[in-house]
Amino acid sequence: MDNSPDGMYLWLDETHSICNERLAKMFSYTVREWRNKPPLLHQFVVPEDQEMFARHYQVSIGHLAYPVTFRFRGVRKDGTTFAAETDMVPITIHGHAVAYHFVRQIPG
């Protein structure tokens, strides 16, 4: 994960997740701070994009249907926002659906 050019995280639920340093920095956190900031959706995605973000998770990941790529606006620690794109990939770990995300900031 640490060698990826993208920010990356694995998300099982509000208690079990992990991210790389690049993702934590993108949102202005340390890895430790990021892991202790549940709930993920409400903390890191602007309110206007949360329903769309959740819908992609429920349809694509919850049913292990297919990877999906979409854009959203992220929220940094200081409250500023930025445009981002994620590749959300469904995988299973010990029988649980897990969201594997690759996140990149969109310049502009």
C-alpha atoms as a PDB file:
ATOM      1  CA  MET A   1       0.000   0.000   0.000  1.00  0.00           C
ATOM      2  CA  ASP A   2       2.777   2.430   0.850  1.00  0.00           C
ATOM      3  CA  ASN A   3       4.289   2.251  -2.634  1.00  0.00           C
ATOM      4  CA  SER A   4       1.056   3.161  -4.416  1.00  0.00           C
ATOM      5  CA  PRO A   5       0.899   6.485  -6.290  1.00  0.00           C
ATOM      6  CA  ASP A   6      -2.731   6.726  -5.069  1.00  0.00           C
ATOM      7  CA  GLY A   7      -4.140   7.102  -1.614  1.00  0.00           C
ATOM      8  CA  MET A   8      -5.463   3.685  -0.595  1.00  0.00           C
ATOM      9  CA  TYR A   9      -7.680   2.248   2.078  1.00  0.00           C
ATOM     10  CA  LEU A  10      -9.481  -0.943   2.935  1.00  0.00           C
ATOM     11  CA  TRP A  11     -12.820  -0.502   4.671  1.00  0.00           C
ATOM     12  CA  LEU A  12     -14.844  -3.275   6.309  1.00  0.00           C
ATOM     13  CA  ASP A  13     -16.876  -1.227   8.779  1.00  0.00           C
ATOM     14  CA  GLU A  14     -16.595   1.812  11.056  1.00  0.00           C
ATOM     15  CA  THR A  15     -14.242  -0.116  13.362  1.00  0.00           C
ATOM     16  CA  HIS A  16     -12.079  -2.013  10.877  1.00  0.00           C
ATOM     17  CA  SER A  17     -10.212  -0.008   8.257  1.00  0.00           C
ATOM     18  CA  ILE A  18      -6.662   0.836   7.253  1.00  0.00           C
ATOM     19  CA  CYS A  19      -5.115   3.445   4.945  1.00  0.00           C
ATOM     20  CA  ASN A  20      -1.730   4.343   3.550  1.00  0.00           C
ATOM     21  CA  GLU A  21       0.222   7.514   4.353  1.00  0.00           C
ATOM     22  CA  ARG A  22      -0.627   9.117   1.002  1.00  0.00           C
ATOM     23  CA  LEU A  23      -4.372   8.905   1.711  1.00  0.00           C
ATOM     24  CA  ALA A  24      -4.024  10.232   5.264  1.00  0.00           C
ATOM     25  CA  LYS A  25      -1.998  13.218   4.008  1.00  0.00           C
ATOM     26  CA  MET A  26      -4.548  13.897   1.250  1.00  0.00           C
ATOM     27  CA  PHE A  27      -7.103  14.546   4.005  1.00  0.00           C
ATOM     28  CA  SER A  28      -4.508  16.337   6.237  1.00  0.00           C
ATOM     29  CA  TYR A  29      -4.302  13.581   8.859  1.00  0.00           C
ATOM     30  CA  THR A  30      -1.717  11.115  10.068  1.00  0.00           C
ATOM     31  CA  VAL A  31      -2.511   7.426   9.517  1.00  0.00           C
ATOM     32  CA  ARG A  32      -3.278   7.066  13.229  1.00  0.00           C
ATOM     33  CA  GLU A  33      -5.653  10.074  13.233  1.00  0.00           C
ATOM     34  CA  TRP A  34      -7.417   8.829  10.096  1.00  0.00           C
ATOM     35  CA  ARG A  35      -8.098   5.427  11.633  1.00  0.00           C
ATOM     36  CA  ASN A  36      -9.630   7.035  14.718  1.00  0.00           C
ATOM     37  CA  LYS A  37     -12.108   9.258  12.844  1.00  0.00           C
ATOM     38  CA  PRO A  38     -15.321   7.249  12.346  1.00  0.00           C
ATOM     39  CA  PRO A  39     -17.724   7.408  10.714  1.00  0.00           C
ATOM     40  CA  LEU A  40     -15.760   7.442   7.476  1.00  0.00           C
ATOM     41  CA  LEU A  41     -18.432   8.773   5.156  1.00  0.00           C
ATOM     42  CA  HIS A  42     -19.535  11.688   7.334  1.00  0.00           C
ATOM     43  CA  GLN A  43     -15.991  12.669   8.220  1.00  0.00           C
ATOM     44  CA  PHE A  44     -14.330  12.658   4.794  1.00  0.00           C
ATOM     45  CA  VAL A  45     -17.015  13.258   2.139  1.00  0.00           C
ATOM     46  CA  VAL A  46     -18.957  16.522   1.707  1.00  0.00           C
ATOM     47  CA  PRO A  47     -22.624  16.165   2.743  1.00  0.00           C
ATOM     48  CA  GLU A  48     -23.900  16.670  -0.807  1.00  0.00           C
ATOM     49  CA  ASP A  49     -21.905  13.649  -2.066  1.00  0.00           C
ATOM     50  CA  GLN A  50     -22.555  11.228   0.814  1.00  0.00           C
ATOM     51  CA  GLU A  51     -25.736   9.644  -0.593  1.00  0.00           C
ATOM     52  CA  MET A  52     -24.061   8.988  -3.950  1.00  0.00           C
ATOM     53  CA  PHE A  53     -20.969   7.568  -2.231  1.00  0.00           C
ATOM     54  CA  ALA A  54     -23.082   5.253  -0.049  1.00  0.00           C
ATOM     55  CA  ARG A  55     -25.188   4.132  -3.029  1.00  0.00           C
ATOM     56  CA  HIS A  56     -22.065   3.098  -4.949  1.00  0.00           C
ATOM     57  CA  TYR A  57     -20.910   1.088  -1.940  1.00  0.00           C
ATOM     58  CA  GLN A  58     -24.279  -0.616  -1.401  1.00  0.00           C
ATOM     59  CA  VAL A  59     -24.818  -1.554  -5.054  1.00  0.00           C
ATOM     60  CA  SER A  60     -21.271  -2.395  -6.091  1.00  0.00           C
ATOM     61  CA  ILE A  61     -19.525  -3.571  -2.972  1.00  0.00           C
ATOM     62  CA  GLY A  62     -22.374  -4.888  -0.866  1.00  0.00           C
ATOM     63  CA  HIS A  63     -23.306  -7.330  -3.621  1.00  0.00           C
ATOM     64  CA  LEU A  64     -19.697  -7.932  -4.742  1.00  0.00           C
ATOM     65  CA  ALA A  65     -20.973  -6.931  -8.158  1.00  0.00           C
ATOM     66  CA  TYR A  66     -18.169  -4.946  -9.795  1.00  0.00           C
ATOM     67  CA  PRO A  67     -15.577  -2.216  -9.294  1.00  0.00           C
ATOM     68  CA  VAL A  68     -16.801   1.336  -9.765  1.00  0.00           C
ATOM     69  CA  THR A  69     -14.983   4.620 -10.410  1.00  0.00           C
ATOM     70  CA  PHE A  70     -16.571   7.926  -9.461  1.00  0.00           C
ATOM     71  CA  ARG A  71     -15.769  11.468  -8.365  1.00  0.00           C
ATOM     72  CA  PHE A  72     -16.601  13.064  -5.038  1.00  0.00           C
ATOM     73  CA  ARG A  73     -15.534  16.025  -2.940  1.00  0.00           C
ATOM     74  CA  GLY A  74     -13.353  15.193   0.026  1.00  0.00           C
ATOM     75  CA  VAL A  75     -13.112  17.110   3.301  1.00  0.00           C
ATOM     76  CA  ARG A  76      -9.738  17.813   4.910  1.00  0.00           C
ATOM     77  CA  LYS A  77      -9.074  18.065   8.628  1.00  0.00           C
ATOM     78  CA  ASP A  78      -9.340  21.883   8.478  1.00  0.00           C
ATOM     79  CA  GLY A  79     -12.729  21.726   6.703  1.00  0.00           C
ATOM     80  CA  THR A  80     -11.485  22.704   3.256  1.00  0.00           C
ATOM     81  CA  THR A  81     -12.674  20.550   0.371  1.00  0.00           C
ATOM     82  CA  PHE A  82     -11.051  19.106  -2.728  1.00  0.00           C
ATOM     83  CA  ALA A  83     -12.115  17.191  -5.828  1.00  0.00           C
ATOM     84  CA  ALA A  84     -11.199  13.500  -5.788  1.00  0.00           C
ATOM     85  CA  GLU A  85     -11.773  10.335  -7.743  1.00  0.00           C
ATOM     86  CA  THR A  86     -11.953   6.827  -6.327  1.00  0.00           C
ATOM     87  CA  ASP A  87     -11.802   3.340  -7.731  1.00  0.00           C
ATOM     88  CA  MET A  88     -13.922   1.274  -5.329  1.00  0.00           C
ATOM     89  CA  VAL A  89     -13.140  -2.422  -5.712  1.00  0.00           C
ATOM     90  CA  PRO A  90     -15.136  -5.193  -3.988  1.00  0.00           C
ATOM     91  CA  ILE A  91     -13.166  -8.042  -2.432  1.00  0.00           C
ATOM     92  CA  THR A  92     -13.898 -10.590   0.270  1.00  0.00           C
ATOM     93  CA  ILE A  93     -11.793 -11.230   3.348  1.00  0.00           C
ATOM     94  CA  HIS A  94     -12.840 -14.155   5.547  1.00  0.00           C
ATOM     95  CA  GLY A  95     -16.333 -14.072   4.020  1.00  0.00           C
ATOM     96  CA  HIS A  96     -16.880 -10.320   4.534  1.00  0.00           C
ATOM     97  CA  ALA A  97     -17.405  -7.799   1.731  1.00  0.00           C
ATOM     98  CA  VAL A  98     -14.612  -5.233   1.872  1.00  0.00           C
ATOM     99  CA  ALA A  99     -14.226  -1.972  -0.046  1.00  0.00           C
ATOM    100  CA  TYR A 100     -10.720  -1.501  -1.429  1.00  0.00           C
ATOM    101  CA  HIS A 101     -10.366   2.149  -2.481  1.00  0.00           C
ATOM    102  CA  PHE A 102      -7.771   3.870  -4.614  1.00  0.00           C
ATOM    103  CA  VAL A 103      -8.177   7.653  -4.207  1.00  0.00           C
ATOM    104  CA  ARG A 104      -6.523  10.450  -6.126  1.00  0.00           C
ATOM    105  CA  GLN A 105      -6.915  14.182  -5.857  1.00  0.00           C
ATOM    106  CA  ILE A 106      -8.115  15.856  -9.053  1.00  0.00           C
ATOM    107  CA  PRO A 107      -6.061  18.964  -9.895  1.00  0.00           C
ATOM    108  CA  GLY A 108      -7.906  22.184 -10.349  1.00  0.00           C
END
